[in-house]
Amino acid sequence: SKDGSLLYPGFPFTSYTKVTRADSDAIYAYLRSVAPVNVASRPHEL
C-alpha cells in the first residue's frame, strides 16, 4: 500500500504484478477521473 504495508492477496497483485507501468499509469489516471466518494473503507474481519 501507499504506507508500505503488505496487501492481502484477495487483491490479485500476484497477477497484477505482470501489468506494465504504462498500463498501470493509465488505470490510475482513469480512477482519478471518477467521482470521489467520502466513505471509509471497512476494516477486515480476519
ModelCIF file with pLDDT and N, C-alpha, C, O atoms, coordinates in Angstrom:
data_MODEL
#
_entry.id   MODEL 
#
_entity.id                         1 
_entity.type                       polymer 
_entity.pdbx_number_of_molecules   1 
#
_entity_poly.entity_id                      1 
_entity_poly.type                           'polypeptide(L)' 
_entity_poly.nstd_linkage                   no 
_entity_poly.nstd_monomer                   no 
_entity_poly.pdbx_seq_one_letter_code       SKDGSLLYPGFPFTSYTKVTRADSDAIYAYLRSVAPVNVASRPHEL 
_entity_poly.pdbx_seq_one_letter_code_can   SKDGSLLYPGFPFTSYTKVTRADSDAIYAYLRSVAPVNVASRPHEL 
_entity_poly.pdbx_strand_id                 A 
#
loop_
_entity_poly_seq.entity_id 
_entity_poly_seq.num 
_entity_poly_seq.mon_id 
_entity_poly_seq.hetero 
1 1  SER n 
1 2  LYS n 
1 3  ASP n 
1 4  GLY n 
1 5  SER n 
1 6  LEU n 
1 7  LEU n 
1 8  TYR n 
1 9  PRO n 
1 10 GLY n 
1 11 PHE n 
1 12 PRO n 
1 13 PHE n 
1 14 THR n 
1 15 SER n 
1 16 TYR n 
1 17 THR n 
1 18 LYS n 
1 19 VAL n 
1 20 THR n 
1 21 ARG n 
1 22 ALA n 
1 23 ASP n 
1 24 SER n 
1 25 ASP n 
1 26 ALA n 
1 27 ILE n 
1 28 TYR n 
1 29 ALA n 
1 30 TYR n 
1 31 LEU n 
1 32 ARG n 
1 33 SER n 
1 34 VAL n 
1 35 ALA n 
1 36 PRO n 
1 37 VAL n 
1 38 ASN n 
1 39 VAL n 
1 40 ALA n 
1 41 SER n 
1 42 ARG n 
1 43 PRO n 
1 44 HIS n 
1 45 GLU n 
1 46 LEU n 
#
_struct_asym.id          A 
_struct_asym.entity_id   1 
#
loop_
_ma_qa_metric.id 
_ma_qa_metric.mode 
_ma_qa_metric.name 
_ma_qa_metric.software_group_id 
_ma_qa_metric.type 
1 global pLDDT . pLDDT 
2 local  pLDDT . pLDDT 
#
_ma_qa_metric_global.metric_id      1 
_ma_qa_metric_global.metric_value   94.52 
_ma_qa_metric_global.model_id       1 
_ma_qa_metric_global.ordinal_id     1 
#
loop_
_ma_qa_metric_local.label_asym_id 
_ma_qa_metric_local.label_comp_id 
_ma_qa_metric_local.label_seq_id 
_ma_qa_metric_local.metric_id 
_ma_qa_metric_local.metric_value 
_ma_qa_metric_local.model_id 
_ma_qa_metric_local.ordinal_id 
A SER 1  2 95.00 1 1  
A LYS 2  2 95.00 1 2  
A ASP 3  2 93.00 1 3  
A GLY 4  2 93.00 1 4  
A SER 5  2 93.00 1 5  
A LEU 6  2 93.00 1 6  
A LEU 7  2 93.00 1 7  
A TYR 8  2 91.00 1 8  
A PRO 9  2 89.00 1 9  
A GLY 10 2 87.00 1 10 
A PHE 11 2 92.00 1 11 
A PRO 12 2 92.00 1 12 
A PHE 13 2 94.00 1 13 
A THR 14 2 93.00 1 14 
A SER 15 2 94.00 1 15 
A TYR 16 2 96.00 1 16 
A THR 17 2 96.00 1 17 
A LYS 18 2 97.00 1 18 
A VAL 19 2 97.00 1 19 
A THR 20 2 97.00 1 20 
A ARG 21 2 97.00 1 21 
A ALA 22 2 96.00 1 22 
A ASP 23 2 97.00 1 23 
A SER 24 2 97.00 1 24 
A ASP 25 2 97.00 1 25 
A ALA 26 2 97.00 1 26 
A ILE 27 2 97.00 1 27 
A TYR 28 2 97.00 1 28 
A ALA 29 2 97.00 1 29 
A TYR 30 2 97.00 1 30 
A LEU 31 2 97.00 1 31 
A ARG 32 2 97.00 1 32 
A SER 33 2 96.00 1 33 
A VAL 34 2 97.00 1 34 
A ALA 35 2 96.00 1 35 
A PRO 36 2 97.00 1 36 
A VAL 37 2 97.00 1 37 
A ASN 38 2 97.00 1 38 
A VAL 39 2 94.00 1 39 
A ALA 40 2 95.00 1 40 
A SER 41 2 92.00 1 41 
A ARG 42 2 91.00 1 42 
A PRO 43 2 92.00 1 43 
A HIS 44 2 92.00 1 44 
A GLU 45 2 91.00 1 45 
A LEU 46 2 88.00 1 46 
#
loop_
_atom_site.group_PDB 
_atom_site.id 
_atom_site.type_symbol 
_atom_site.label_atom_id 
_atom_site.label_alt_id 
_atom_site.label_comp_id 
_atom_site.label_asym_id 
_atom_site.label_entity_id 
_atom_site.label_seq_id 
_atom_site.pdbx_PDB_ins_code 
_atom_site.Cartn_x 
_atom_site.Cartn_y 
_atom_site.Cartn_z 
_atom_site.occupancy 
_atom_site.B_iso_or_equiv 
_atom_site.pdbx_formal_charge 
_atom_site.auth_seq_id 
_atom_site.auth_comp_id 
_atom_site.auth_asym_id 
_atom_site.auth_atom_id 
_atom_site.pdbx_PDB_model_num 
ATOM 1   N N  . SER A 1 1  ? 0.823   -1.194  0.000   1.00 95.00 ? 1  SER A N  1 
ATOM 2   C CA . SER A 1 1  ? 0.000   0.000   0.000   1.00 95.00 ? 1  SER A CA 1 
ATOM 3   C C  . SER A 1 1  ? 0.868   1.259   0.000   1.00 95.00 ? 1  SER A C  1 
ATOM 4   O O  . SER A 1 1  ? 2.096   1.176   0.004   1.00 95.00 ? 1  SER A O  1 
ATOM 5   N N  . LYS A 1 2  ? 0.223   2.414   -0.005  1.00 95.00 ? 2  LYS A N  1 
ATOM 6   C CA . LYS A 1 2  ? 0.933   3.689   -0.011  1.00 95.00 ? 2  LYS A CA 1 
ATOM 7   C C  . LYS A 1 2  ? 1.889   3.820   1.168   1.00 95.00 ? 2  LYS A C  1 
ATOM 8   O O  . LYS A 1 2  ? 2.989   4.352   1.022   1.00 95.00 ? 2  LYS A O  1 
ATOM 9   N N  . ASP A 1 3  ? 1.474   3.340   2.324   1.00 93.00 ? 3  ASP A N  1 
ATOM 10  C CA . ASP A 1 3  ? 2.308   3.443   3.526   1.00 93.00 ? 3  ASP A CA 1 
ATOM 11  C C  . ASP A 1 3  ? 3.321   2.307   3.656   1.00 93.00 ? 3  ASP A C  1 
ATOM 12  O O  . ASP A 1 3  ? 4.021   2.217   4.664   1.00 93.00 ? 3  ASP A O  1 
ATOM 13  N N  . GLY A 1 4  ? 3.406   1.437   2.643   1.00 93.00 ? 4  GLY A N  1 
ATOM 14  C CA . GLY A 1 4  ? 4.355   0.338   2.673   1.00 93.00 ? 4  GLY A CA 1 
ATOM 15  C C  . GLY A 1 4  ? 3.828   -0.946  3.276   1.00 93.00 ? 4  GLY A C  1 
ATOM 16  O O  . GLY A 1 4  ? 4.504   -1.974  3.226   1.00 93.00 ? 4  GLY A O  1 
ATOM 17  N N  . SER A 1 5  ? 2.627   -0.910  3.849   1.00 93.00 ? 5  SER A N  1 
ATOM 18  C CA . SER A 1 5  ? 2.063   -2.108  4.461   1.00 93.00 ? 5  SER A CA 1 
ATOM 19  C C  . SER A 1 5  ? 1.726   -3.144  3.394   1.00 93.00 ? 5  SER A C  1 
ATOM 20  O O  . SER A 1 5  ? 1.427   -2.800  2.251   1.00 93.00 ? 5  SER A O  1 
ATOM 21  N N  . LEU A 1 6  ? 1.778   -4.407  3.781   1.00 93.00 ? 6  LEU A N  1 
ATOM 22  C CA . LEU A 1 6  ? 1.537   -5.502  2.846   1.00 93.00 ? 6  LEU A CA 1 
ATOM 23  C C  . LEU A 1 6  ? 0.044   -5.678  2.607   1.00 93.00 ? 6  LEU A C  1 
ATOM 24  O O  . LEU A 1 6  ? -0.751  -5.656  3.547   1.00 93.00 ? 6  LEU A O  1 
ATOM 25  N N  . LEU A 1 7  ? -0.331  -5.853  1.343   1.00 93.00 ? 7  LEU A N  1 
ATOM 26  C CA . LEU A 1 7  ? -1.717  -6.066  0.972   1.00 93.00 ? 7  LEU A CA 1 
ATOM 27  C C  . LEU A 1 7  ? -2.039  -7.555  0.992   1.00 93.00 ? 7  LEU A C  1 
ATOM 28  O O  . LEU A 1 7  ? -1.205  -8.388  0.638   1.00 93.00 ? 7  LEU A O  1 
ATOM 29  N N  . TYR A 1 8  ? -3.253  -7.874  1.410   1.00 91.00 ? 8  TYR A N  1 
ATOM 30  C CA . TYR A 1 8  ? -3.688  -9.261  1.392   1.00 91.00 ? 8  TYR A CA 1 
ATOM 31  C C  . TYR A 1 8  ? -3.913  -9.723  -0.045  1.00 91.00 ? 8  TYR A C  1 
ATOM 32  O O  . TYR A 1 8  ? -4.325  -8.932  -0.893  1.00 91.00 ? 8  TYR A O  1 
ATOM 33  N N  . PRO A 1 9  ? -3.643  -11.008 -0.323  1.00 89.00 ? 9  PRO A N  1 
ATOM 34  C CA . PRO A 1 9  ? -3.734  -11.483 -1.707  1.00 89.00 ? 9  PRO A CA 1 
ATOM 35  C C  . PRO A 1 9  ? -5.152  -11.644 -2.226  1.00 89.00 ? 9  PRO A C  1 
ATOM 36  O O  . PRO A 1 9  ? -5.340  -12.131 -3.341  1.00 89.00 ? 9  PRO A O  1 
ATOM 37  N N  . GLY A 1 10 ? -6.180  -11.238 -1.433  1.00 87.00 ? 10 GLY A N  1 
ATOM 38  C CA . GLY A 1 10 ? -7.501  -11.099 -2.016  1.00 87.00 ? 10 GLY A CA 1 
ATOM 39  C C  . GLY A 1 10 ? -7.457  -10.083 -3.140  1.00 87.00 ? 10 GLY A C  1 
ATOM 40  O O  . GLY A 1 10 ? -8.196  -10.206 -4.117  1.00 87.00 ? 10 GLY A O  1 
ATOM 41  N N  . PHE A 1 11 ? -6.603  -9.085  -3.017  1.00 92.00 ? 11 PHE A N  1 
ATOM 42  C CA . PHE A 1 11 ? -6.250  -8.201  -4.117  1.00 92.00 ? 11 PHE A CA 1 
ATOM 43  C C  . PHE A 1 11 ? -5.251  -8.954  -4.986  1.00 92.00 ? 11 PHE A C  1 
ATOM 44  O O  . PHE A 1 11 ? -4.180  -9.314  -4.496  1.00 92.00 ? 11 PHE A O  1 
ATOM 45  N N  . PRO A 1 12 ? -5.558  -9.206  -6.258  1.00 92.00 ? 12 PRO A N  1 
ATOM 46  C CA . PRO A 1 12 ? -4.742  -10.144 -7.044  1.00 92.00 ? 12 PRO A CA 1 
ATOM 47  C C  . PRO A 1 12 ? -3.425  -9.568  -7.557  1.00 92.00 ? 12 PRO A C  1 
ATOM 48  O O  . PRO A 1 12 ? -3.157  -9.571  -8.758  1.00 92.00 ? 12 PRO A O  1 
ATOM 49  N N  . PHE A 1 13 ? -2.603  -9.071  -6.622  1.00 94.00 ? 13 PHE A N  1 
ATOM 50  C CA . PHE A 1 13 ? -1.336  -8.486  -7.045  1.00 94.00 ? 13 PHE A CA 1 
ATOM 51  C C  . PHE A 1 13 ? -0.388  -9.539  -7.614  1.00 94.00 ? 13 PHE A C  1 
ATOM 52  O O  . PHE A 1 13 ? 0.542   -9.203  -8.347  1.00 94.00 ? 13 PHE A O  1 
ATOM 53  N N  . THR A 1 14 ? -0.622  -10.826 -7.277  1.00 93.00 ? 14 THR A N  1 
ATOM 54  C CA . THR A 1 14 ? 0.219   -11.869 -7.851  1.00 93.00 ? 14 THR A CA 1 
ATOM 55  C C  . THR A 1 14 ? 0.034   -11.947 -9.365  1.00 93.00 ? 14 THR A C  1 
ATOM 56  O O  . THR A 1 14 ? 0.929   -12.404 -10.076 1.00 93.00 ? 14 THR A O  1 
ATOM 57  N N  . SER A 1 15 ? -1.114  -11.507 -9.857  1.00 94.00 ? 15 SER A N  1 
ATOM 58  C CA . SER A 1 15 ? -1.350  -11.394 -11.297 1.00 94.00 ? 15 SER A CA 1 
ATOM 59  C C  . SER A 1 15 ? -1.041  -9.992  -11.799 1.00 94.00 ? 15 SER A C  1 
ATOM 60  O O  . SER A 1 15 ? -0.424  -9.828  -12.851 1.00 94.00 ? 15 SER A O  1 
ATOM 61  N N  . TYR A 1 16 ? -1.469  -8.977  -11.047 1.00 96.00 ? 16 TYR A N  1 
ATOM 62  C CA . TYR A 1 16 ? -1.300  -7.597  -11.489 1.00 96.00 ? 16 TYR A CA 1 
ATOM 63  C C  . TYR A 1 16 ? 0.163   -7.179  -11.568 1.00 96.00 ? 16 TYR A C  1 
ATOM 64  O O  . TYR A 1 16 ? 0.489   -6.197  -12.236 1.00 96.00 ? 16 TYR A O  1 
ATOM 65  N N  . THR A 1 17 ? 1.051   -7.912  -10.895 1.00 96.00 ? 17 THR A N  1 
ATOM 66  C CA . THR A 1 17 ? 2.468   -7.575  -10.999 1.00 96.00 ? 17 THR A CA 1 
ATOM 67  C C  . THR A 1 17 ? 2.954   -7.640  -12.443 1.00 96.00 ? 17 THR A C  1 
ATOM 68  O O  . THR A 1 17 ? 3.964   -7.028  -12.787 1.00 96.00 ? 17 THR A O  1 
ATOM 69  N N  . LYS A 1 18 ? 2.236   -8.383  -13.291 1.00 97.00 ? 18 LYS A N  1 
ATOM 70  C CA . LYS A 1 18 ? 2.620   -8.526  -14.697 1.00 97.00 ? 18 LYS A CA 1 
ATOM 71  C C  . LYS A 1 18 ? 2.188   -7.338  -15.552 1.00 97.00 ? 18 LYS A C  1 
ATOM 72  O O  . LYS A 1 18 ? 2.597   -7.229  -16.708 1.00 97.00 ? 18 LYS A O  1 
ATOM 73  N N  . VAL A 1 19 ? 1.365   -6.448  -14.998 1.00 97.00 ? 19 VAL A N  1 
ATOM 74  C CA . VAL A 1 19 ? 0.880   -5.290  -15.738 1.00 97.00 ? 19 VAL A CA 1 
ATOM 75  C C  . VAL A 1 19 ? 2.008   -4.283  -15.929 1.00 97.00 ? 19 VAL A C  1 
ATOM 76  O O  . VAL A 1 19 ? 2.767   -4.014  -14.998 1.00 97.00 ? 19 VAL A O  1 
ATOM 77  N N  . THR A 1 20 ? 2.121   -3.728  -17.130 1.00 97.00 ? 20 THR A N  1 
ATOM 78  C CA . THR A 1 20 ? 3.190   -2.777  -17.416 1.00 97.00 ? 20 THR A CA 1 
ATOM 79  C C  . THR A 1 20 ? 2.980   -1.468  -16.673 1.00 97.00 ? 20 THR A C  1 
ATOM 80  O O  . THR A 1 20 ? 1.868   -1.155  -16.248 1.00 97.00 ? 20 THR A O  1 
ATOM 81  N N  . ARG A 1 21 ? 4.066   -0.701  -16.518 1.00 97.00 ? 21 ARG A N  1 
ATOM 82  C CA . ARG A 1 21 ? 3.970   0.596   -15.853 1.00 97.00 ? 21 ARG A CA 1 
ATOM 83  C C  . ARG A 1 21 ? 3.044   1.518   -16.633 1.00 97.00 ? 21 ARG A C  1 
ATOM 84  O O  . ARG A 1 21 ? 2.253   2.247   -16.033 1.00 97.00 ? 21 ARG A O  1 
ATOM 85  N N  . ALA A 1 22 ? 3.128   1.499   -17.953 1.00 96.00 ? 22 ALA A N  1 
ATOM 86  C CA . ALA A 1 22 ? 2.283   2.367   -18.764 1.00 96.00 ? 22 ALA A CA 1 
ATOM 87  C C  . ALA A 1 22 ? 0.809   2.062   -18.556 1.00 96.00 ? 22 ALA A C  1 
ATOM 88  O O  . ALA A 1 22 ? -0.001  2.982   -18.450 1.00 96.00 ? 22 ALA A O  1 
ATOM 89  N N  . ASP A 1 23 ? 0.448   0.788   -18.496 1.00 97.00 ? 23 ASP A N  1 
ATOM 90  C CA . ASP A 1 23 ? -0.954  0.417   -18.280 1.00 97.00 ? 23 ASP A CA 1 
ATOM 91  C C  . ASP A 1 23 ? -1.392  0.751   -16.856 1.00 97.00 ? 23 ASP A C  1 
ATOM 92  O O  . ASP A 1 23 ? -2.528  1.174   -16.645 1.00 97.00 ? 23 ASP A O  1 
ATOM 93  N N  . SER A 1 24 ? -0.509  0.568   -15.881 1.00 97.00 ? 24 SER A N  1 
ATOM 94  C CA . SER A 1 24 ? -0.821  0.940   -14.507 1.00 97.00 ? 24 SER A CA 1 
ATOM 95  C C  . SER A 1 24 ? -1.103  2.426   -14.403 1.00 97.00 ? 24 SER A C  1 
ATOM 96  O O  . SER A 1 24 ? -2.049  2.831   -13.727 1.00 97.00 ? 24 SER A O  1 
ATOM 97  N N  . ASP A 1 25 ? -0.292  3.249   -15.067 1.00 97.00 ? 25 ASP A N  1 
ATOM 98  C CA . ASP A 1 25 ? -0.492  4.693   -15.043 1.00 97.00 ? 25 ASP A CA 1 
ATOM 99  C C  . ASP A 1 25 ? -1.822  5.077   -15.683 1.00 97.00 ? 25 ASP A C  1 
ATOM 100 O O  . ASP A 1 25 ? -2.486  6.008   -15.227 1.00 97.00 ? 25 ASP A O  1 
ATOM 101 N N  . ALA A 1 26 ? -2.211  4.366   -16.733 1.00 97.00 ? 26 ALA A N  1 
ATOM 102 C CA . ALA A 1 26 ? -3.485  4.653   -17.393 1.00 97.00 ? 26 ALA A CA 1 
ATOM 103 C C  . ALA A 1 26 ? -4.660  4.326   -16.472 1.00 97.00 ? 26 ALA A C  1 
ATOM 104 O O  . ALA A 1 26 ? -5.612  5.103   -16.387 1.00 97.00 ? 26 ALA A O  1 
ATOM 105 N N  . ILE A 1 27 ? -4.605  3.198   -15.791 1.00 97.00 ? 27 ILE A N  1 
ATOM 106 C CA . ILE A 1 27 ? -5.669  2.840   -14.850 1.00 97.00 ? 27 ILE A CA 1 
ATOM 107 C C  . ILE A 1 27 ? -5.742  3.873   -13.734 1.00 97.00 ? 27 ILE A C  1 
ATOM 108 O O  . ILE A 1 27 ? -6.828  4.290   -13.329 1.00 97.00 ? 27 ILE A O  1 
ATOM 109 N N  . TYR A 1 28 ? -4.581  4.280   -13.244 1.00 97.00 ? 28 TYR A N  1 
ATOM 110 C CA . TYR A 1 28 ? -4.518  5.310   -12.206 1.00 97.00 ? 28 TYR A CA 1 
ATOM 111 C C  . TYR A 1 28 ? -5.194  6.588   -12.683 1.00 97.00 ? 28 TYR A C  1 
ATOM 112 O O  . TYR A 1 28 ? -5.981  7.183   -11.947 1.00 97.00 ? 28 TYR A O  1 
ATOM 113 N N  . ALA A 1 29 ? -4.897  7.018   -13.913 1.00 97.00 ? 29 ALA A N  1 
ATOM 114 C CA . ALA A 1 29 ? -5.494  8.238   -14.461 1.00 97.00 ? 29 ALA A CA 1 
ATOM 115 C C  . ALA A 1 29 ? -7.009  8.106   -14.536 1.00 97.00 ? 29 ALA A C  1 
ATOM 116 O O  . ALA A 1 29 ? -7.728  9.058   -14.233 1.00 97.00 ? 29 ALA A O  1 
ATOM 117 N N  . TYR A 1 30 ? -7.498  6.942   -14.933 1.00 97.00 ? 30 TYR A N  1 
ATOM 118 C CA . TYR A 1 30 ? -8.944  6.741   -15.003 1.00 97.00 ? 30 TYR A CA 1 
ATOM 119 C C  . TYR A 1 30 ? -9.588  6.799   -13.620 1.00 97.00 ? 30 TYR A C  1 
ATOM 120 O O  . TYR A 1 30 ? -10.599 7.478   -13.441 1.00 97.00 ? 30 TYR A O  1 
ATOM 121 N N  . LEU A 1 31 ? -9.019  6.098   -12.645 1.00 97.00 ? 31 LEU A N  1 
ATOM 122 C CA . LEU A 1 31 ? -9.590  6.100   -11.306 1.00 97.00 ? 31 LEU A CA 1 
ATOM 123 C C  . LEU A 1 31 ? -9.570  7.498   -10.693 1.00 97.00 ? 31 LEU A C  1 
ATOM 124 O O  . LEU A 1 31 ? -10.445 7.839   -9.898  1.00 97.00 ? 31 LEU A O  1 
ATOM 125 N N  . ARG A 1 32 ? -8.581  8.305   -11.056 1.00 97.00 ? 32 ARG A N  1 
ATOM 126 C CA . ARG A 1 32 ? -8.542  9.688   -10.583 1.00 97.00 ? 32 ARG A CA 1 
ATOM 127 C C  . ARG A 1 32 ? -9.649  10.530  -11.209 1.00 97.00 ? 32 ARG A C  1 
ATOM 128 O O  . ARG A 1 32 ? -9.963  11.609  -10.708 1.00 97.00 ? 32 ARG A O  1 
ATOM 129 N N  . SER A 1 33 ? -10.251 10.038  -12.318 1.00 96.00 ? 33 SER A N  1 
ATOM 130 C CA . SER A 1 33 ? -11.278 10.803  -13.018 1.00 96.00 ? 33 SER A CA 1 
ATOM 131 C C  . SER A 1 33 ? -12.695 10.486  -12.556 1.00 96.00 ? 33 SER A C  1 
ATOM 132 O O  . SER A 1 33 ? -13.627 11.213  -12.899 1.00 96.00 ? 33 SER A O  1 
ATOM 133 N N  . VAL A 1 34 ? -12.879 9.400   -11.773 1.00 97.00 ? 34 VAL A N  1 
ATOM 134 C CA . VAL A 1 34 ? -14.224 9.033   -11.337 1.00 97.00 ? 34 VAL A CA 1 
ATOM 135 C C  . VAL A 1 34 ? -14.627 9.905   -10.158 1.00 97.00 ? 34 VAL A C  1 
ATOM 136 O O  . VAL A 1 34 ? -13.783 10.559  -9.544  1.00 97.00 ? 34 VAL A O  1 
ATOM 137 N N  . ALA A 1 35 ? -15.905 9.914   -9.846  1.00 96.00 ? 35 ALA A N  1 
ATOM 138 C CA . ALA A 1 35 ? -16.413 10.739  -8.751  1.00 96.00 ? 35 ALA A CA 1 
ATOM 139 C C  . ALA A 1 35 ? -15.881 10.257  -7.409  1.00 96.00 ? 35 ALA A C  1 
ATOM 140 O O  . ALA A 1 35 ? -15.998 9.073   -7.094  1.00 96.00 ? 35 ALA A O  1 
ATOM 141 N N  . PRO A 1 36 ? -15.295 11.156  -6.604  1.00 97.00 ? 36 PRO A N  1 
ATOM 142 C CA . PRO A 1 36 ? -14.819 10.746  -5.281  1.00 97.00 ? 36 PRO A CA 1 
ATOM 143 C C  . PRO A 1 36 ? -15.988 10.427  -4.358  1.00 97.00 ? 36 PRO A C  1 
ATOM 144 O O  . PRO A 1 36 ? -17.042 11.058  -4.438  1.00 97.00 ? 36 PRO A O  1 
ATOM 145 N N  . VAL A 1 37 ? -15.800 9.460   -3.498  1.00 97.00 ? 37 VAL A N  1 
ATOM 146 C CA . VAL A 1 37 ? -16.821 9.060   -2.532  1.00 97.00 ? 37 VAL A CA 1 
ATOM 147 C C  . VAL A 1 37 ? -16.193 9.102   -1.146  1.00 97.00 ? 37 VAL A C  1 
ATOM 148 O O  . VAL A 1 37 ? -15.210 8.411   -0.879  1.00 97.00 ? 37 VAL A O  1 
ATOM 149 N N  . ASN A 1 38 ? -16.768 9.919   -0.266  1.00 97.00 ? 38 ASN A N  1 
ATOM 150 C CA . ASN A 1 38 ? -16.209 10.116  1.071   1.00 97.00 ? 38 ASN A CA 1 
ATOM 151 C C  . ASN A 1 38 ? -16.759 9.060   2.035   1.00 97.00 ? 38 ASN A C  1 
ATOM 152 O O  . ASN A 1 38 ? -17.524 9.370   2.948   1.00 97.00 ? 38 ASN A O  1 
ATOM 153 N N  . VAL A 1 39 ? -16.354 7.814   1.811   1.00 94.00 ? 39 VAL A N  1 
ATOM 154 C CA . VAL A 1 39 ? -16.774 6.697   2.644   1.00 94.00 ? 39 VAL A CA 1 
ATOM 155 C C  . VAL A 1 39 ? -15.541 5.912   3.060   1.00 94.00 ? 39 VAL A C  1 
ATOM 156 O O  . VAL A 1 39 ? -14.716 5.535   2.228   1.00 94.00 ? 39 VAL A O  1 
ATOM 157 N N  . ALA A 1 40 ? -15.428 5.675   4.351   1.00 95.00 ? 40 ALA A N  1 
ATOM 158 C CA . ALA A 1 40 ? -14.274 4.957   4.865   1.00 95.00 ? 40 ALA A CA 1 
ATOM 159 C C  . ALA A 1 40 ? -14.311 3.488   4.456   1.00 95.00 ? 40 ALA A C  1 
ATOM 160 O O  . ALA A 1 40 ? -15.377 2.878   4.382   1.00 95.00 ? 40 ALA A O  1 
ATOM 161 N N  . SER A 1 41 ? -13.148 2.941   4.195   1.00 92.00 ? 41 SER A N  1 
ATOM 162 C CA . SER A 1 41 ? -13.045 1.514   3.917   1.00 92.00 ? 41 SER A CA 1 
ATOM 163 C C  . SER A 1 41 ? -13.294 0.726   5.198   1.00 92.00 ? 41 SER A C  1 
ATOM 164 O O  . SER A 1 41 ? -12.803 1.096   6.265   1.00 92.00 ? 41 SER A O  1 
ATOM 165 N N  . ARG A 1 42 ? -14.045 -0.342  5.095   1.00 91.00 ? 42 ARG A N  1 
ATOM 166 C CA . ARG A 1 42 ? -14.370 -1.151  6.258   1.00 91.00 ? 42 ARG A CA 1 
ATOM 167 C C  . ARG A 1 42 ? -13.192 -2.049  6.608   1.00 91.00 ? 42 ARG A C  1 
ATOM 168 O O  . ARG A 1 42 ? -12.632 -2.690  5.719   1.00 91.00 ? 42 ARG A O  1 
ATOM 169 N N  . PRO A 1 43 ? -12.803 -2.114  7.868   1.00 92.00 ? 43 PRO A N  1 
ATOM 170 C CA . PRO A 1 43 ? -11.684 -2.976  8.262   1.00 92.00 ? 43 PRO A CA 1 
ATOM 171 C C  . PRO A 1 43 ? -11.990 -4.456  8.027   1.00 92.00 ? 43 PRO A C  1 
ATOM 172 O O  . PRO A 1 43 ? -13.135 -4.895  8.135   1.00 92.00 ? 43 PRO A O  1 
ATOM 173 N N  . HIS A 1 44 ? -10.946 -5.208  7.705   1.00 92.00 ? 44 HIS A N  1 
ATOM 174 C CA . HIS A 1 44 ? -11.112 -6.652  7.554   1.00 92.00 ? 44 HIS A CA 1 
ATOM 175 C C  . HIS A 1 44 ? -11.501 -7.285  8.884   1.00 92.00 ? 44 HIS A C  1 
ATOM 176 O O  . HIS A 1 44 ? -11.150 -6.778  9.949   1.00 92.00 ? 44 HIS A O  1 
ATOM 177 N N  . GLU A 1 45 ? -12.214 -8.375  8.814   1.00 91.00 ? 45 GLU A N  1 
ATOM 178 C CA . GLU A 1 45 ? -12.588 -9.153  9.995   1.00 91.00 ? 45 GLU A CA 1 
ATOM 179 C C  . GLU A 1 45 ? -11.965 -10.537 9.867   1.00 91.00 ? 45 GLU A C  1 
ATOM 180 O O  . GLU A 1 45 ? -12.648 -11.515 9.564   1.00 91.00 ? 45 GLU A O  1 
ATOM 181 N N  . LEU A 1 46 ? -10.663 -10.602 10.102  1.00 88.00 ? 46 LEU A N  1 
ATOM 182 C CA . LEU A 1 46 ? -9.912  -11.838 9.961   1.00 88.00 ? 46 LEU A CA 1 
ATOM 183 C C  . LEU A 1 46 ? -9.611  -12.451 11.316  1.00 88.00 ? 46 LEU A C  1 
ATOM 184 O O  . LEU A 1 46 ? -8.980  -13.505 11.390  1.00 88.00 ? 46 LEU A O  1 
#
